[in-house]
C-alpha cells in the first residue's frame, strides 16, 4: 500500500478514503503515508471500534457514500467489492468522490469458486459465506467501461499471500 500511495500522490497533500474499513487496521497504516484518512463501513460495531482508535469514520454503504463529490485523491477498497450487491453502483460512488486525476485502488480475492476463500472463516462468522460473486480483473474493467465512469485502467496484478489476491488500479480522468 505504501508503494502505491507514494507513487500516485506526487508529493502533494493526500486525502484518502478507505471503503470497507472495518475496525480501522488499514486506516492506521494509511495514516503513515497520507495527510488525511477517512473510512466507511456498513458495520456499526466495526465503525464504533475504529472510532475508539481515533479514526475519522462513518457508517454508510459502498454503493451510497454519504460524502461530498470530488473530495479524495485516492479511494482504497480492500476485500470489499465481492460483498457488495450493486458492484457498478459502488464503483460509480468511488469515482464520484474521487478528485479528477485521483487514484482508485481495489484489492479483491482470486476465487475460482465464489466464496472459497471464506471456508476457513465460516465457523467464525455468524453470516457464513458472504461473498456474492467471484471477480477477475477483466470483469471489473468491463463493469467500469460499461458504466462510462471516466476511469482509466492503470494496471491489474495478482499477488500471493495467505490467499491469492488481485490488485487493480485506476486513474480518474482530469
Protein backbone atom coordinates (compact mmCIF):
# COMPACT_ATOMS: atom_id res chain seq x y z
CA UNK A 1 0.00 0.00 0.00
CA UNK A 2 2.86 2.38 0.84
CA UNK A 3 4.41 1.93 -2.61
CA UNK A 4 1.10 2.53 -4.34
CA UNK A 5 0.24 5.68 -2.38
CA UNK A 6 3.74 7.13 -2.66
CA UNK A 7 3.71 6.53 -6.41
CA UNK A 8 0.36 8.21 -7.01
CA UNK A 9 0.47 11.05 -4.54
CA UNK A 10 3.16 13.00 -6.47
CA UNK A 11 4.44 14.84 -3.39
CA UNK A 12 1.13 16.61 -2.76
CA UNK A 13 -1.02 16.57 0.34
CA UNK A 14 -3.10 13.46 0.05
CA UNK A 15 -6.66 12.71 1.18
CA UNK A 16 -7.60 9.02 1.22
CA UNK A 17 -10.88 7.19 1.74
CA UNK A 18 -10.97 3.51 2.64
CA UNK A 19 -14.27 1.87 1.71
CA UNK A 20 -14.94 -1.18 3.89
CA UNK A 21 -12.57 -0.06 6.64
CA UNK A 22 -13.90 -2.47 9.28
CA UNK A 23 -12.17 -1.79 12.62
CA UNK A 24 -9.55 0.50 11.09
CA UNK A 25 -6.41 -1.60 10.81
CA UNK A 26 -5.56 -0.33 7.32
CA UNK A 27 -6.56 3.22 8.30
CA UNK A 28 -3.75 3.14 10.87
CA UNK A 29 -1.31 2.11 8.14
CA UNK A 30 -2.63 4.65 5.63
CA UNK A 31 -2.09 7.47 8.14
CA UNK A 32 1.64 6.87 7.83
CA UNK A 33 1.55 7.82 4.14
CA UNK A 34 -1.39 10.17 3.68
CA UNK A 35 -2.22 13.52 5.26
CA UNK A 36 -5.95 12.92 5.74
CA UNK A 37 -7.50 9.47 6.05
CA UNK A 38 -11.20 8.60 6.36
CA UNK A 39 -13.07 5.31 6.41
CA UNK A 40 -16.57 3.99 5.80
CA UNK A 41 -18.20 0.65 6.54
CA UNK A 42 -21.75 -0.70 6.92
CA UNK A 43 -20.94 -2.48 10.19
CA UNK A 44 -21.83 -0.13 13.05
CA UNK A 45 -19.89 -2.21 15.59
CA UNK A 46 -16.74 -2.11 13.47
CA UNK A 47 -17.11 1.65 12.99
CA UNK A 48 -17.51 2.12 16.76
CA UNK A 49 -14.27 0.18 17.28
CA UNK A 50 -12.45 2.29 14.66
CA UNK A 51 -13.75 5.48 16.30
CA UNK A 52 -12.34 4.33 19.64
CA UNK A 53 -8.93 4.18 17.93
CA UNK A 54 -9.35 7.82 16.91
CA UNK A 55 -10.15 7.27 13.23
CA UNK A 56 -12.44 9.52 11.21
CA UNK A 57 -15.05 7.00 10.12
CA UNK A 58 -18.68 6.92 9.03
CA UNK A 59 -21.39 4.29 8.66
CA UNK A 60 -22.58 4.02 5.07
CA UNK A 61 -22.69 1.52 2.23
CA UNK A 62 -20.18 1.34 -0.61
CA UNK A 63 -22.92 1.98 -3.18
CA UNK A 64 -24.29 5.03 -1.35
CA UNK A 65 -21.39 7.01 0.09
CA UNK A 66 -22.78 9.95 2.04
CA UNK A 67 -19.71 12.07 1.29
CA UNK A 68 -19.14 15.11 -0.93
CA UNK A 69 -18.14 14.64 -4.57
CA UNK A 70 -14.54 15.18 -5.73
CA UNK A 71 -13.11 15.04 -2.20
CA UNK A 72 -10.40 12.35 -2.25
CA UNK A 73 -7.07 11.93 -4.00
CA UNK A 74 -7.33 8.18 -3.54
CA UNK A 75 -10.06 5.68 -2.75
CA UNK A 76 -8.91 2.32 -1.43
CA UNK A 77 -11.14 -0.73 -1.13
CA UNK A 78 -9.66 -3.95 0.24
CA UNK A 79 -11.69 -7.16 0.10
CA UNK A 80 -14.98 -5.29 -0.06
CA UNK A 81 -16.35 -5.38 -3.62
CA UNK A 82 -17.01 -9.12 -3.50
CA UNK A 83 -19.54 -8.41 -0.72
CA UNK A 84 -21.39 -5.52 -2.41
CA UNK A 85 -24.75 -6.33 -4.10
CA UNK A 86 -24.54 -3.38 -6.55
CA UNK A 87 -20.97 -3.50 -7.89
CA UNK A 88 -21.49 -0.86 -10.58
CA UNK A 89 -23.21 1.43 -8.06
CA UNK A 90 -20.28 1.05 -5.66
CA UNK A 91 -17.64 1.77 -8.31
CA UNK A 92 -19.74 4.72 -9.52
CA UNK A 93 -19.67 6.09 -5.94
CA UNK A 94 -15.91 5.50 -5.64
CA UNK A 95 -15.48 7.53 -8.82
CA UNK A 96 -17.86 10.28 -7.69
CA UNK A 97 -15.90 11.02 -4.52
CA UNK A 98 -12.53 10.92 -6.33
CA UNK A 99 -10.96 14.18 -7.41
CA UNK A 100 -10.04 14.50 -11.10
CA UNK A 101 -6.70 12.75 -11.51
CA UNK A 102 -7.42 10.69 -8.38
CA UNK A 103 -6.48 7.04 -7.96
CA UNK A 104 -8.81 4.13 -7.25
CA UNK A 105 -7.15 1.06 -5.69
CA UNK A 106 -9.25 -2.09 -5.42
CA UNK A 107 -7.98 -5.31 -3.85
CA UNK A 108 -10.14 -8.42 -4.11
CA UNK A 109 -9.69 -12.19 -3.79
CA UNK A 110 -8.87 -14.58 -6.57
CA UNK A 111 -11.65 -17.16 -6.26
CA UNK A 112 -12.17 -19.82 -8.91
CA UNK A 113 -15.27 -20.75 -6.88
CA UNK A 114 -17.23 -17.92 -5.25
CA UNK A 115 -16.61 -17.85 -1.52
CA UNK A 116 -13.85 -20.46 -1.42
CA UNK A 117 -11.53 -18.10 0.45
CA UNK A 118 -14.21 -17.81 3.17
CA UNK A 119 -14.13 -21.52 4.03
CA UNK A 120 -11.61 -21.18 6.89
CA UNK A 121 -13.74 -18.40 8.42
CA UNK A 122 -17.24 -19.88 8.13
CA UNK A 123 -17.13 -21.21 11.67
CA UNK A 124 -16.12 -17.74 12.93
CA UNK A 125 -18.84 -15.88 11.05
CA UNK A 126 -22.48 -15.75 12.03
CA UNK A 127 -23.28 -14.92 8.41
CA UNK A 128 -21.47 -17.78 6.69
CA UNK A 129 -20.20 -17.23 3.15
CA UNK A 130 -20.91 -13.62 2.34
CA UNK A 131 -19.06 -13.31 -0.98
CA UNK A 132 -21.68 -12.54 -3.62
CA UNK A 133 -19.50 -13.01 -6.69
CA UNK A 134 -16.11 -14.07 -7.91
CA UNK A 135 -14.34 -11.15 -9.61
CA UNK A 136 -11.50 -11.13 -12.10
CA UNK A 137 -9.75 -8.00 -13.41
CA UNK A 138 -11.31 -8.40 -16.86
CA UNK A 139 -14.81 -8.42 -15.34
CA UNK A 140 -14.07 -5.38 -13.15
CA UNK A 141 -12.69 -3.50 -16.17
CA UNK A 142 -15.82 -4.41 -18.17
CA UNK A 143 -18.09 -3.04 -15.39
CA UNK A 144 -16.10 0.20 -15.31
CA UNK A 145 -16.12 0.60 -19.11
CA UNK A 146 -19.85 -0.13 -19.38
CA UNK A 147 -20.55 2.39 -16.62
CA UNK A 148 -18.67 5.12 -18.57
CA UNK A 149 -17.12 6.38 -15.35
CA UNK A 150 -14.09 8.17 -16.75
CA UNK A 151 -11.67 5.79 -15.06
CA UNK A 152 -8.56 4.72 -16.94
CA UNK A 153 -7.10 1.32 -16.16
CA UNK A 154 -3.52 1.66 -14.89
CA UNK A 155 -2.82 -1.99 -14.12
CA UNK A 156 -4.09 -5.18 -12.51
CA UNK A 157 -1.87 -7.80 -10.92
CA UNK A 158 -2.17 -10.90 -8.82
CA UNK A 159 -0.34 -11.08 -5.51
CA UNK A 160 0.23 -14.11 -3.34
CA UNK A 161 -0.08 -14.10 0.43
CA UNK A 162 -2.37 -16.10 2.65
CA UNK A 163 -4.66 -16.35 -0.40
CA UNK A 164 -4.08 -15.19 -3.99
CA UNK A 165 -5.37 -11.63 -4.37
CA UNK A 166 -5.89 -9.23 -7.27
CA UNK A 167 -4.93 -5.57 -7.10
CA UNK A 168 -6.40 -3.22 -9.72
CA UNK A 169 -5.51 0.45 -10.04
CA UNK A 170 -7.50 3.05 -11.96
CA UNK A 171 -6.98 6.77 -12.52
CA UNK A 172 -9.87 9.21 -12.85
CA UNK A 173 -9.58 11.46 -15.90
CA UNK A 174 -8.95 15.16 -15.34
